PDB file of N, CA and C in Angstrom:
ATOM      1  N   MET A   1      85.239-128.357 -89.220  1.00  0.00           N
ATOM      2  CA  MET A   1      84.150-128.964 -88.494  1.00  0.00           C
ATOM      3  C   MET A   1      82.815-128.417 -89.001  1.00  0.00           C
ATOM      4  N   ILE A   2      81.862-129.294 -89.199  1.00  0.00           N
ATOM      5  CA  ILE A   2      80.547-128.894 -89.676  1.00  0.00           C
ATOM      6  C   ILE A   2      79.710-128.419 -88.497  1.00  0.00           C
ATOM      7  N   GLU A   3      79.220-127.187 -88.611  1.00  0.00           N
ATOM      8  CA  GLU A   3      78.463-126.613 -87.501  1.00  0.00           C
ATOM      9  C   GLU A   3      77.009-126.332 -87.851  1.00  0.00           C
ATOM     10  N   THR A   4      76.710-126.181 -89.138  1.00  0.00           N
ATOM     11  CA  THR A   4      75.335-125.844 -89.522  1.00  0.00           C
ATOM     12  C   THR A   4      74.802-126.825 -90.560  1.00  0.00           C
ATOM     13  N   LYS A   5      73.504-126.834 -90.698  1.00  0.00           N
ATOM     14  CA  LYS A   5      72.852-127.680 -91.703  1.00  0.00           C
ATOM     15  C   LYS A   5      73.338-127.298 -93.098  1.00  0.00           C
ATOM     16  N   GLN A   6      73.472-125.988 -93.341  1.00  0.00           N
ATOM     17  CA  GLN A   6      73.924-125.522 -94.652  1.00  0.00           C
ATOM     18  C   GLN A   6      75.329-126.034 -94.962  1.00  0.00           C
ATOM     19  N   GLN A   7      76.209-126.051 -93.982  1.00  0.00           N
ATOM     20  CA  GLN A   7      77.561-126.565 -94.193  1.00  0.00           C
ATOM     21  C   GLN A   7      77.519-128.052 -94.544  1.00  0.00           C
ATOM     22  N   ALA A   8      76.639-128.791 -93.877  1.00  0.00           N
ATOM     23  CA  ALA A   8      76.504-130.219 -94.162  1.00  0.00           C
ATOM     24  C   ALA A   8      75.990-130.436 -95.578  1.00  0.00           C
ATOM     25  N   LEU A   9      74.996-129.647 -96.000  1.00  0.00           N
ATOM     26  CA  LEU A   9      74.462-129.770 -97.354  1.00  0.00           C
ATOM     27  C   LEU A   9      75.507-129.392 -98.399  1.00  0.00           C
ATOM     28  N   ASP A  10      76.271-128.345 -98.132  1.00  0.00           N
ATOM     29  CA  ASP A  10      77.333-127.932 -99.059  1.00  0.00           C
ATOM     30  C   ASP A  10      78.391-129.028 -99.202  1.00  0.00           C
ATOM     31  N   LEU A  11      78.760-129.644 -98.089  1.00  0.00           N
ATOM     32  CA  LEU A  11      79.747-130.718 -98.124  1.00  0.00           C
ATOM     33  C   LEU A  11      79.207-131.912 -98.907  1.00  0.00           C
ATOM     34  N   PHE A  12      77.949-132.218 -98.702  1.00  0.00           N
ATOM     35  CA  PHE A  12      77.333-133.324 -99.428  1.00  0.00           C
ATOM     36  C   PHE A  12      77.311-133.036-100.926  1.00  0.00           C
ATOM     37  N   GLU A  13      77.015-131.801-101.308  1.00  0.00           N
ATOM     38  CA  GLU A  13      77.023-131.404-102.728  1.00  0.00           C
ATOM     39  C   GLU A  13      78.408-131.657-103.336  1.00  0.00           C
ATOM     40  N   GLU A  14      79.455-131.427-102.572  1.00  0.00           N
ATOM     41  CA  GLU A  14      80.821-131.601-103.065  1.00  0.00           C
ATOM     42  C   GLU A  14      81.249-133.064-103.123  1.00  0.00           C
ATOM     43  N   THR A  15      80.913-133.823-102.096  1.00  0.00           N
ATOM     44  CA  THR A  15      81.466-135.171-101.962  1.00  0.00           C
ATOM     45  C   THR A  15      80.605-136.274-102.567  1.00  0.00           C
ATOM     46  N   ARG A  16      79.349-136.035-102.739  1.00  0.00           N
ATOM     47  CA  ARG A  16      78.443-137.071-103.263  1.00  0.00           C
ATOM     48  C   ARG A  16      77.637-136.555-104.451  1.00  0.00           C
ATOM     49  N   GLN A  17      78.332-135.878-105.372  1.00  0.00           N
ATOM     50  CA  GLN A  17      77.671-135.266-106.522  1.00  0.00           C
ATOM     51  C   GLN A  17      76.891-136.277-107.355  1.00  0.00           C
ATOM     52  N   ASN A  18      77.487-137.430-107.642  1.00  0.00           N
ATOM     53  CA  ASN A  18      76.824-138.416-108.498  1.00  0.00           C
ATOM     54  C   ASN A  18      75.554-138.961-107.863  1.00  0.00           C
ATOM     55  N   PHE A  19      75.618-139.246-106.572  1.00  0.00           N
ATOM     56  CA  PHE A  19      74.436-139.745-105.879  1.00  0.00           C
ATOM     57  C   PHE A  19      73.333-138.689-105.877  1.00  0.00           C
ATOM     58  N   LEU A  20      73.686-137.470-105.564  1.00  0.00           N
ATOM     59  CA  LEU A  20      72.707-136.389-105.527  1.00  0.00           C
ATOM     60  C   LEU A  20      72.131-136.121-106.910  1.00  0.00           C
ATOM     61  N   LYS A  21      72.973-136.176-107.928  1.00  0.00           N
ATOM     62  CA  LYS A  21      72.517-135.971-109.304  1.00  0.00           C
ATOM     63  C   LYS A  21      71.485-137.045-109.691  1.00  0.00           C
ATOM     64  N   LYS A  22      71.774-138.293-109.319  1.00  0.00           N
ATOM     65  CA  LYS A  22      70.855-139.388-109.601  1.00  0.00           C
ATOM     66  C   LYS A  22      69.519-139.170-108.887  1.00  0.00           C
ATOM     67  N   CYS A  23      69.571-138.802-107.617  1.00  0.00           N
ATOM     68  CA  CYS A  23      68.344-138.570-106.849  1.00  0.00           C
ATOM     69  C   CYS A  23      67.510-137.445-107.461  1.00  0.00           C
ATOM     70  N   ARG A  24      68.175-136.376-107.864  1.00  0.00           N
ATOM     71  CA  ARG A  24      67.454-135.245-108.461  1.00  0.00           C
ATOM     72  C   ARG A  24      66.854-135.614-109.813  1.00  0.00           C
ATOM     73  N   SER A  25      67.558-136.424-110.569  1.00  0.00           N
ATOM     74  CA  SER A  25      67.022-136.887-111.847  1.00  0.00           C
ATOM     75  C   SER A  25      65.766-137.738-111.625  1.00  0.00           C
ATOM     76  N   VAL A  26      65.836-138.637-110.658  1.00  0.00           N
ATOM     77  CA  VAL A  26      64.673-139.467-110.329  1.00  0.00           C
ATOM     78  C   VAL A  26      63.516-138.578-109.864  1.00  0.00           C
ATOM     79  N   ALA A  27      63.813-137.588-109.044  1.00  0.00           N
ATOM     80  CA  ALA A  27      62.770-136.672-108.562  1.00  0.00           C
ATOM     81  C   ALA A  27      62.101-135.943-109.732  1.00  0.00           C
ATOM     82  N   ARG A  28      62.903-135.477-110.697  1.00  0.00           N
ATOM     83  CA  ARG A  28      62.323-134.801-111.868  1.00  0.00           C
ATOM     84  C   ARG A  28      61.429-135.749-112.664  1.00  0.00           C
ATOM     85  N   ASP A  29      61.891-136.981-112.835  1.00  0.00           N
ATOM     86  CA  ASP A  29      61.081-137.972-113.563  1.00  0.00           C
ATOM     87  C   ASP A  29      59.747-138.208-112.860  1.00  0.00           C
ATOM     88  N   ILE A  30      59.789-138.332-111.550  1.00  0.00           N
ATOM     89  CA  ILE A  30      58.554-138.532-110.781  1.00  0.00           C
ATOM     90  C   ILE A  30      57.649-137.312-110.918  1.00  0.00           C
ATOM     91  N   ALA A  31      58.242-136.130-110.872  1.00  0.00           N
ATOM     92  CA  ALA A  31      57.464-134.893-110.949  1.00  0.00           C
ATOM     93  C   ALA A  31      56.742-134.732-112.281  1.00  0.00           C
ATOM     94  N   ARG A  32      57.207-135.427-113.305  1.00  0.00           N
ATOM     95  CA  ARG A  32      56.520-135.364-114.607  1.00  0.00           C
ATOM     96  C   ARG A  32      55.192-136.112-114.573  1.00  0.00           C
ATOM     97  N   THR A  33      55.043-137.019-113.613  1.00  0.00           N
ATOM     98  CA  THR A  33      53.834-137.840-113.570  1.00  0.00           C
ATOM     99  C   THR A  33      52.954-137.560-112.357  1.00  0.00           C
ATOM    100  N   LYS A  34      53.458-136.798-111.405  1.00  0.00           N
ATOM    101  CA  LYS A  34      52.697-136.489-110.200  1.00  0.00           C
ATOM    102  C   LYS A  34      52.689-134.987-109.978  1.00  0.00           C
ATOM    103  N   GLU A  35      51.628-134.505-109.394  1.00  0.00           N
ATOM    104  CA  GLU A  35      51.527-133.068-109.124  1.00  0.00           C
ATOM    105  C   GLU A  35      52.521-132.620-108.059  1.00  0.00           C
ATOM    106  N   SER A  36      52.725-133.467-107.051  1.00  0.00           N
ATOM    107  CA  SER A  36      53.681-133.160-105.990  1.00  0.00           C
ATOM    108  C   SER A  36      54.368-134.450-105.546  1.00  0.00           C
ATOM    109  N   ILE A  37      55.559-134.298-104.973  1.00  0.00           N
ATOM    110  CA  ILE A  37      56.312-135.485-104.557  1.00  0.00           C
ATOM    111  C   ILE A  37      56.974-135.245-103.205  1.00  0.00           C
ATOM    112  N   THR A  38      57.437-136.333-102.607  1.00  0.00           N
ATOM    113  CA  THR A  38      58.195-136.270-101.363  1.00  0.00           C
ATOM    114  C   THR A  38      59.478-137.076-101.529  1.00  0.00           C
ATOM    115  N   ILE A  39      60.332-136.978-100.553  1.00  0.00           N
ATOM    116  CA  ILE A  39      61.559-137.766-100.599  1.00  0.00           C
ATOM    117  C   ILE A  39      61.235-139.253-100.486  1.00  0.00           C
ATOM    118  N   ASP A  40      60.116-139.602 -99.891  1.00  0.00           N
ATOM    119  CA  ASP A  40      59.703-141.012 -99.851  1.00  0.00           C
ATOM    120  C   ASP A  40      59.564-141.567-101.264  1.00  0.00           C
ATOM    121  N   ASP A  41      59.023-140.762-102.191  1.00  0.00           N
ATOM    122  CA  ASP A  41      58.878-141.197-103.589  1.00  0.00           C
ATOM    123  C   ASP A  41      60.246-141.506-104.204  1.00  0.00           C
ATOM    124  N   VAL A  42      61.214-140.650-103.923  1.00  0.00           N
ATOM    125  CA  VAL A  42      62.563-140.833-104.465  1.00  0.00           C
ATOM    126  C   VAL A  42      63.206-142.068-103.843  1.00  0.00           C
ATOM    127  N   ARG A  43      63.035-142.227-102.547  1.00  0.00           N
ATOM    128  CA  ARG A  43      63.672-143.344-101.834  1.00  0.00           C
ATOM    129  C   ARG A  43      63.142-144.700-102.303  1.00  0.00           C
ATOM    130  N   LEU A  44      61.955-144.729-102.857  1.00  0.00           N
ATOM    131  CA  LEU A  44      61.430-145.987-103.396  1.00  0.00           C
ATOM    132  C   LEU A  44      62.229-146.437-104.626  1.00  0.00           C
ATOM    133  N   GLN A  45      62.891-145.490-105.284  1.00  0.00           N
ATOM    134  CA  GLN A  45      63.614-145.803-106.517  1.00  0.00           C
ATOM    135  C   GLN A  45      65.133-145.712-106.398  1.00  0.00           C
ATOM    136  N   VAL A  46      65.627-145.099-105.336  1.00  0.00           N
ATOM    137  CA  VAL A  46      67.071-144.918-105.165  1.00  0.00           C
ATOM    138  C   VAL A  46      67.487-145.500-103.822  1.00  0.00           C
ATOM    139  N   GLN A  47      68.419-146.424-103.868  1.00  0.00           N
ATOM    140  CA  GLN A  47      68.914-147.025-102.637  1.00  0.00           C
ATOM    141  C   GLN A  47      70.021-146.165-102.044  1.00  0.00           C
ATOM    142  N   LEU A  48      69.961-145.973-100.754  1.00  0.00           N
ATOM    143  CA  LEU A  48      70.980-145.214-100.044  1.00  0.00           C
ATOM    144  C   LEU A  48      72.280-146.020-100.010  1.00  0.00           C
ATOM    145  N   PRO A  49      73.382-145.437-100.478  1.00  0.00           N
ATOM    146  CA  PRO A  49      74.657-146.162-100.436  1.00  0.00           C
ATOM    147  C   PRO A  49      75.048-146.516 -99.002  1.00  0.00           C
ATOM    148  N   GLU A  50      75.693-147.649 -98.864  1.00  0.00           N
ATOM    149  CA  GLU A  50      76.126-148.097 -97.543  1.00  0.00           C
ATOM    150  C   GLU A  50      77.046-147.049 -96.916  1.00  0.00           C
ATOM    151  N   GLY A  51      76.835-146.802 -95.652  1.00  0.00           N
ATOM    152  CA  GLY A  51      77.666-145.849 -94.932  1.00  0.00           C
ATOM    153  C   GLY A  51      77.131-144.428 -94.921  1.00  0.00           C
ATOM    154  N   LEU A  52      76.087-144.159 -95.704  1.00  0.00           N
ATOM    155  CA  LEU A  52      75.504-142.810 -95.706  1.00  0.00           C
ATOM    156  C   LEU A  52      74.291-142.771 -94.787  1.00  0.00           C
ATOM    157  N   ASP A  53      74.150-141.685 -94.073  1.00  0.00           N
ATOM    158  CA  ASP A  53      72.997-141.460 -93.218  1.00  0.00           C
ATOM    159  C   ASP A  53      71.815-141.020 -94.090  1.00  0.00           C
ATOM    160  N   GLY A  54      70.639-141.547 -93.828  1.00  0.00           N
ATOM    161  CA  GLY A  54      69.453-141.227 -94.621  1.00  0.00           C
ATOM    162  C   GLY A  54      69.093-139.760 -94.643  1.00  0.00           C
ATOM    163  N   ARG A  55      69.599-139.003 -93.701  1.00  0.00           N
ATOM    164  CA  ARG A  55      69.284-137.564 -93.673  1.00  0.00           C
ATOM    165  C   ARG A  55      69.871-136.820 -94.864  1.00  0.00           C
ATOM    166  N   VAL A  56      70.820-137.451 -95.559  1.00  0.00           N
ATOM    167  CA  VAL A  56      71.417-136.786 -96.722  1.00  0.00           C
ATOM    168  C   VAL A  56      70.388-136.575 -97.828  1.00  0.00           C
ATOM    169  N   PHE A  57      69.313-137.349 -97.810  1.00  0.00           N
ATOM    170  CA  PHE A  57      68.269-137.157 -98.816  1.00  0.00           C
ATOM    171  C   PHE A  57      67.665-135.751 -98.733  1.00  0.00           C
ATOM    172  N   GLY A  58      67.857-135.074 -97.617  1.00  0.00           N
ATOM    173  CA  GLY A  58      67.346-133.716 -97.469  1.00  0.00           C
ATOM    174  C   GLY A  58      67.911-132.753 -98.496  1.00  0.00           C
ATOM    175  N   ALA A  59      69.058-133.087 -99.063  1.00  0.00           N
ATOM    176  CA  ALA A  59      69.695-132.203-100.047  1.00  0.00           C
ATOM    177  C   ALA A  59      69.028-132.265-101.418  1.00  0.00           C
ATOM    178  N   VAL A  60      68.237-133.289-101.681  1.00  0.00           N
ATOM    179  CA  VAL A  60      67.647-133.481-103.012  1.00  0.00           C
ATOM    180  C   VAL A  60      66.805-132.286-103.431  1.00  0.00           C
ATOM    181  N   PHE A  61      65.965-131.801-102.555  1.00  0.00           N
ATOM    182  CA  PHE A  61      65.066-130.696-102.902  1.00  0.00           C
ATOM    183  C   PHE A  61      65.621-129.340-102.476  1.00  0.00           C
ATOM    184  N   HIS A  62      66.889-129.315-102.087  1.00  0.00           N
ATOM    185  CA  HIS A  62      67.512-128.090-101.620  1.00  0.00           C
ATOM    186  C   HIS A  62      68.084-127.316-102.813  1.00  0.00           C
ATOM    187  N   SER A  63      67.168-126.776-103.623  1.00  0.00           N
ATOM    188  CA  SER A  63      67.570-125.968-104.784  1.00  0.00           C
ATOM    189  C   SER A  63      66.401-125.079-105.194  1.00  0.00           C
ATOM    190  N   ASP A  64      66.680-124.140-106.064  1.00  0.00           N
ATOM    191  CA  ASP A  64      65.634-123.226-106.546  1.00  0.00           C
ATOM    192  C   ASP A  64      64.662-123.908-107.497  1.00  0.00           C
ATOM    193  N   GLU A  65      64.950-125.130-107.874  1.00  0.00           N
ATOM    194  CA  GLU A  65      64.121-125.868-108.819  1.00  0.00           C
ATOM    195  C   GLU A  65      62.792-126.332-108.201  1.00  0.00           C
ATOM    196  N   TRP A  66      62.748-126.404-106.866  1.00  0.00           N
ATOM    197  CA  TRP A  66      61.601-126.974-106.167  1.00  0.00           C
ATOM    198  C   TRP A  66      60.924-125.959-105.250  1.00  0.00           C
ATOM    199  N   GLU A  67      59.622-126.118-105.107  1.00  0.00           N
ATOM    200  CA  GLU A  67      58.842-125.288-104.196  1.00  0.00           C
ATOM    201  C   GLU A  67      58.184-126.201-103.168  1.00  0.00           C
ATOM    202  N   LYS A  68      58.391-125.897-101.890  1.00  0.00           N
ATOM    203  CA  LYS A  68      57.743-126.683-100.844  1.00  0.00           C
ATOM    204  C   LYS A  68      56.286-126.230-100.752  1.00  0.00           C
ATOM    205  N   VAL A  69      55.369-127.205-100.834  1.00  0.00           N
ATOM    206  CA  VAL A  69      53.939-126.870-100.831  1.00  0.00           C
ATOM    207  C   VAL A  69      53.211-127.423 -99.609  1.00  0.00           C
ATOM    208  N   GLY A  70      53.934-128.097 -98.722  1.00  0.00           N
ATOM    209  CA  GLY A  70      53.300-128.611 -97.517  1.00  0.00           C
ATOM    210  C   GLY A  70      54.126-129.681 -96.851  1.00  0.00           C
ATOM    211  N   TYR A  71      53.489-130.390 -95.937  1.00  0.00           N
ATOM    212  CA  TYR A  71      54.128-131.479 -95.195  1.00  0.00           C
ATOM    213  C   TYR A  71      53.157-132.642 -95.088  1.00  0.00           C
ATOM    214  N   ILE A  72      53.725-133.857 -95.040  1.00  0.00           N
ATOM    215  CA  ILE A  72      52.955-135.048 -94.704  1.00  0.00           C
ATOM    216  C   ILE A  72      53.840-135.920 -93.816  1.00  0.00           C
ATOM    217  N   ASN A  73      53.260-136.909 -93.198  1.00  0.00           N
ATOM    218  CA  ASN A  73      54.049-137.836 -92.402  1.00  0.00           C
ATOM    219  C   ASN A  73      54.692-138.864 -93.324  1.00  0.00           C
ATOM    220  N   SER A  74      55.971-139.124 -93.085  1.00  0.00           N
ATOM    221  CA  SER A  74      56.710-140.084 -93.896  1.00  0.00           C
ATOM    222  C   SER A  74      56.132-141.485 -93.741  1.00  0.00           C
ATOM    223  N   LYS A  75      56.168-142.230 -94.833  1.00  0.00           N
ATOM    224  CA  LYS A  75      55.736-143.621 -94.815  1.00  0.00           C
ATOM    225  C   LYS A  75      56.923-144.579 -94.661  1.00  0.00           C
ATOM    226  N   GLN A  76      58.139-144.041 -94.691  1.00  0.00           N
ATOM    227  CA  GLN A  76      59.333-144.856 -94.511  1.00  0.00           C
ATOM    228  C   GLN A  76      59.405-145.323 -93.053  1.00  0.00           C
ATOM    229  N   LYS A  77      59.528-146.625 -92.865  1.00  0.00           N
ATOM    230  CA  LYS A  77      59.539-147.205 -91.526  1.00  0.00           C
ATOM    231  C   LYS A  77      60.574-146.535 -90.614  1.00  0.00           C
ATOM    232  N   GLU A  78      61.782-146.340 -91.154  1.00  0.00           N
ATOM    233  CA  GLU A  78      62.851-145.775 -90.332  1.00  0.00           C
ATOM    234  C   GLU A  78      62.632-144.315 -89.964  1.00  0.00           C
ATOM    235  N   ASN A  79      61.670-143.654 -90.599  1.00  0.00           N
ATOM    236  CA  ASN A  79      61.376-142.253 -90.280  1.00  0.00           C
ATOM    237  C   ASN A  79      60.313-142.109 -89.188  1.00  0.00           C
ATOM    238  N   HIS A  80      59.712-143.216 -88.792  1.00  0.00           N
ATOM    239  CA  HIS A  80      58.757-143.238 -87.682  1.00  0.00           C
ATOM    240  C   HIS A  80      57.634-142.206 -87.829  1.00  0.00           C
ATOM    241  N   GLY A  81      57.194-141.990 -89.068  1.00  0.00           N
ATOM    242  CA  GLY A  81      56.063-141.086 -89.309  1.00  0.00           C
ATOM    243  C   GLY A  81      56.353-139.610 -89.114  1.00  0.00           C
ATOM    244  N   ARG A  82      57.609-139.232 -89.057  1.00  0.00           N
ATOM    245  CA  ARG A  82      57.917-137.807 -88.867  1.00  0.00           C
ATOM    246  C   ARG A  82      57.510-137.005 -90.098  1.00  0.00           C
ATOM    247  N   PRO A  83      57.224-135.723 -89.925  1.00  0.00           N
ATOM    248  CA  PRO A  83      56.818-134.886 -91.065  1.00  0.00           C
ATOM    249  C   PRO A  83      57.959-134.712 -92.072  1.00  0.00           C
ATOM    250  N   ILE A  84      57.608-134.792 -93.343  1.00  0.00           N
ATOM    251  CA  ILE A  84      58.552-134.518 -94.430  1.00  0.00           C
ATOM    252  C   ILE A  84      57.912-133.537 -95.394  1.00  0.00           C
ATOM    253  N   GLY A  85      58.734-132.822 -96.128  1.00  0.00           N
ATOM    254  CA  GLY A  85      58.233-131.827 -97.073  1.00  0.00           C
ATOM    255  C   GLY A  85      57.588-132.450 -98.295  1.00  0.00           C
ATOM    256  N   VAL A  86      56.578-131.758 -98.800  1.00  0.00           N
ATOM    257  CA  VAL A  86      55.942-132.094-100.074  1.00  0.00           C
ATOM    258  C   VAL A  86      56.373-131.004-101.047  1.00  0.00           C
ATOM    259  N   PHE A  87      56.875-131.421-102.207  1.00  0.00           N
ATOM    260  CA  PHE A  87      57.443-130.472-103.154  1.00  0.00           C
ATOM    261  C   PHE A  87      56.776-130.547-104.517  1.00  0.00           C
ATOM    262  N   LYS A  88      56.847-129.420-105.188  1.00  0.00           N
ATOM    263  CA  LYS A  88      56.362-129.301-106.559  1.00  0.00           C
ATOM    264  C   LYS A  88      57.505-128.691-107.370  1.00  0.00           C
ATOM    265  N   ILE A  89      57.734-129.242-108.561  1.00  0.00           N
ATOM    266  CA  ILE A  89      58.784-128.672-109.404  1.00  0.00           C
ATOM    267  C   ILE A  89      58.266-127.362-109.991  1.00  0.00           C
ATOM    268  N   LYS A  90      59.106-126.346-110.005  1.00  0.00           N
ATOM    269  CA  LYS A  90      58.664-125.022-110.444  1.00  0.00           C
ATOM    270  C   LYS A  90      58.440-124.954-111.948  1.00  0.00           C
ATOM    271  N   ASN A  91      59.372-125.464-112.735  1.00  0.00           N
ATOM    272  CA  ASN A  91      59.276-125.408-114.185  1.00  0.00           C
ATOM    273  C   ASN A  91      59.517-126.790-114.771  1.00  0.00           C
ATOM    274  N   PRO A  92      58.481-127.622-114.827  1.00  0.00           N
ATOM    275  CA  PRO A  92      58.701-128.970-115.357  1.00  0.00           C
ATOM    276  C   PRO A  92      59.167-128.921-116.806  1.00  0.00           C
ATOM    277  N   LYS A  93      60.146-129.766-117.123  1.00  0.00           N
ATOM    278  CA  LYS A  93      60.685-129.824-118.483  1.00  0.00           C
ATOM    279  C   LYS A  93      60.356-131.183-119.075  1.00  0.00           C
ATOM    280  N   PRO A  94      60.216-131.238-120.392  1.00  0.00           N
ATOM    281  CA  PRO A  94      59.981-132.540-121.016  1.00  0.00           C
ATOM    282  C   PRO A  94      61.218-133.425-120.857  1.00  0.00           C
ATOM    283  N   PRO A  95      61.046-134.732-120.918  1.00  0.00           N
ATOM    284  CA  PRO A  95      62.200-135.624-120.783  1.00  0.00           C
ATOM    285  C   PRO A  95      63.238-135.339-121.866  1.00  0.00           C
ATOM    286  N   GLU A  96      64.500-135.463-121.501  1.00  0.00           N
ATOM    287  CA  GLU A  96      65.573-135.253-122.465  1.00  0.00           C
ATOM    288  C   GLU A  96      65.688-136.466-123.379  1.00  0.00           C
ATOM    289  N   MET A  97      66.054-136.181-124.621  1.00  0.00           N
ATOM    290  CA  MET A  97      66.259-137.276-125.570  1.00  0.00           C
ATOM    291  C   MET A  97      67.594-137.942-125.303  1.00  0.00           C
ATOM    292  N   SER A  98      67.619-139.239-125.445  1.00  0.00           N
ATOM    293  CA  SER A  98      68.885-139.960-125.321  1.00  0.00           C
ATOM    294  C   SER A  98      69.714-139.699-126.569  1.00  0.00           C
ATOM    295  N   GLU A  99      70.981-140.015-126.495  1.00  0.00           N
ATOM    296  CA  GLU A  99      71.889-139.823-127.633  1.00  0.00           C
ATOM    297  C   GLU A  99      71.404-140.602-128.850  1.00  0.00           C
ATOM    298  N   LYS A 100      70.914-141.816-128.638  1.00  0.00           N
ATOM    299  CA  LYS A 100      70.433-142.649-129.743  1.00  0.00           C
ATOM    300  C   LYS A 100      69.207-142.016-130.399  1.00  0.00           C
ATOM    301  N   VAL A 101      68.295-141.486-129.602  1.00  0.00           N
ATOM    302  CA  VAL A 101      67.102-140.844-130.155  1.00  0.00           C
ATOM    303  C   VAL A 101      67.501-139.607-130.954  1.00  0.00           C
ATOM    304  N   ARG A 102      68.467-138.836-130.453  1.00  0.00           N
ATOM    305  CA  ARG A 102      68.948-137.654-131.199  1.00  0.00           C
ATOM    306  C   ARG A 102      69.549-138.077-132.538  1.00  0.00           C
ATOM    307  N   GLU A 103      70.306-139.165-132.524  1.00  0.00           N
ATOM    308  CA  GLU A 103      70.940-139.667-133.741  1.00  0.00           C
ATOM    309  C   GLU A 103      69.885-140.076-134.772  1.00  0.00           C
ATOM    310  N   ILE A 104      68.879-140.795-134.334  1.00  0.00           N
ATOM    311  CA  ILE A 104      67.808-141.252-135.237  1.00  0.00           C
ATOM    312  C   ILE A 104      67.013-140.057-135.757  1.00  0.00           C
ATOM    313  N   THR A 105      66.713-139.104-134.873  1.00  0.00           N
ATOM    314  CA  THR A 105      65.973-137.910-135.272  1.00  0.00           C
ATOM    315  C   THR A 105      66.745-137.125-136.329  1.00  0.00           C
ATOM    316  N   SER A 106      68.033-136.963-136.121  1.00  0.00           N
ATOM    317  CA  SER A 106      68.870-136.254-137.079  1.00  0.00           C
ATOM    318  C   SER A 106      68.891-136.967-138.428  1.00  0.00           C
ATOM    319  N   LEU A 107      69.014-138.279-138.401  1.00  0.00           N
ATOM    320  CA  LEU A 107      69.023-139.081-139.624  1.00  0.00           C
ATOM    321  C   LEU A 107      67.697-138.920-140.377  1.00  0.00           C
ATOM    322  N   LEU A 108      66.592-138.997-139.660  1.00  0.00           N
ATOM    323  CA  LEU A 108      65.278-138.837-140.290  1.00  0.00           C
ATOM    324  C   LEU A 108      65.105-137.445-140.888  1.00  0.00           C
ATOM    325  N   GLU A 109      65.554-136.430-140.154  1.00  0.00           N
ATOM    326  CA  GLU A 109      65.441-135.060-140.653  1.00  0.00           C
ATOM    327  C   GLU A 109      66.243-134.874-141.933  1.00  0.00           C
ATOM    328  N   SER A 110      67.427-135.466-141.998  1.00  0.00           N
ATOM    329  CA  SER A 110      68.239-135.328-143.218  1.00  0.00           C
ATOM    330  C   SER A 110      67.594-136.060-144.390  1.00  0.00           C
ATOM    331  N   LYS A 111      66.958-137.211-144.131  1.00  0.00           N
ATOM    332  CA  LYS A 111      66.263-137.943-145.205  1.00  0.00           C
ATOM    333  C   LYS A 111      65.063-137.139-145.709  1.00  0.00           C
ATOM    334  N   VAL A 112      64.352-136.481-144.784  1.00  0.00           N
ATOM    335  CA  VAL A 112      63.205-135.650-145.188  1.00  0.00           C
ATOM    336  C   VAL A 112      63.692-134.490-146.052  1.00  0.00           C
ATOM    337  N   GLU A 113      64.795-133.853-145.662  1.00  0.00           N
ATOM    338  CA  GLU A 113      65.353-132.740-146.449  1.00  0.00           C
ATOM    339  C   GLU A 113      65.739-133.206-147.843  1.00  0.00           C
ATOM    340  N   LYS A 114      66.370-134.375-147.954  1.00  0.00           N
ATOM    341  CA  LYS A 114      66.767-134.919-149.252  1.00  0.00           C
ATOM    342  C   LYS A 114      65.541-135.223-150.109  1.00  0.00           C
ATOM    343  N   SER A 115      64.531-135.788-149.510  1.00  0.00           N
ATOM    344  CA  SER A 115      63.335-136.143-150.285  1.00  0.00           C
ATOM    345  C   SER A 115      62.597-134.898-150.736  1.00  0.00           C
ATOM    346  N   ASN A 116      62.660-133.819-149.978  1.00  0.00           N
ATOM    347  CA  ASN A 116      62.014-132.570-150.360  1.00  0.00           C
ATOM    348  C   ASN A 116      62.726-131.900-151.542  1.00  0.00           C
ATOM    349  N   THR A 117      64.006-132.132-151.674  1.00  0.00           N
ATOM    350  CA  THR A 117      64.755-131.522-152.773  1.00  0.00           C
ATOM    351  C   THR A 117      64.597-132.285-154.083  1.00  0.00           C
ATOM    352  N   LEU A 118      64.116-133.526-154.018  1.00  0.00           N
ATOM    353  CA  LEU A 118      63.939-134.306-155.225  1.00  0.00           C
ATOM    354  C   LEU A 118      62.696-133.883-156.015  1.00  0.00           C
ATOM    355  N   PHE A 119      61.732-133.310-155.377  1.00  0.00           N
ATOM    356  CA  PHE A 119      60.469-132.960-156.050  1.00  0.00           C
ATOM    357  C   PHE A 119      60.314-131.502-156.217  1.00  0.00           C
TER     358      PHE A 119
END
């Protein structure tokens, strides 16, 4: 039986890993373009799967990767203007290269190496 918020978050981490991973990825992408973000920003881009309670979004920023910097009132209609956390990513990272971009980069680097050996 779940008795604490932490137990609920831990269970969500176990049972909905893919959904949480997607939400966190979207949050990181948003954080690259904004100084601070809220779960409202994430919810604009990620639809809550049917059957899940919206409170599960609370797990998105529940990691050492994020720093809470304040509160604002939610703009989500179903949240009725309740306060939500405003977060800042602690160590923003550049976007990861896709597999195709890595492949092209590697190909270009090998062509440059070959051309350098000809002269």
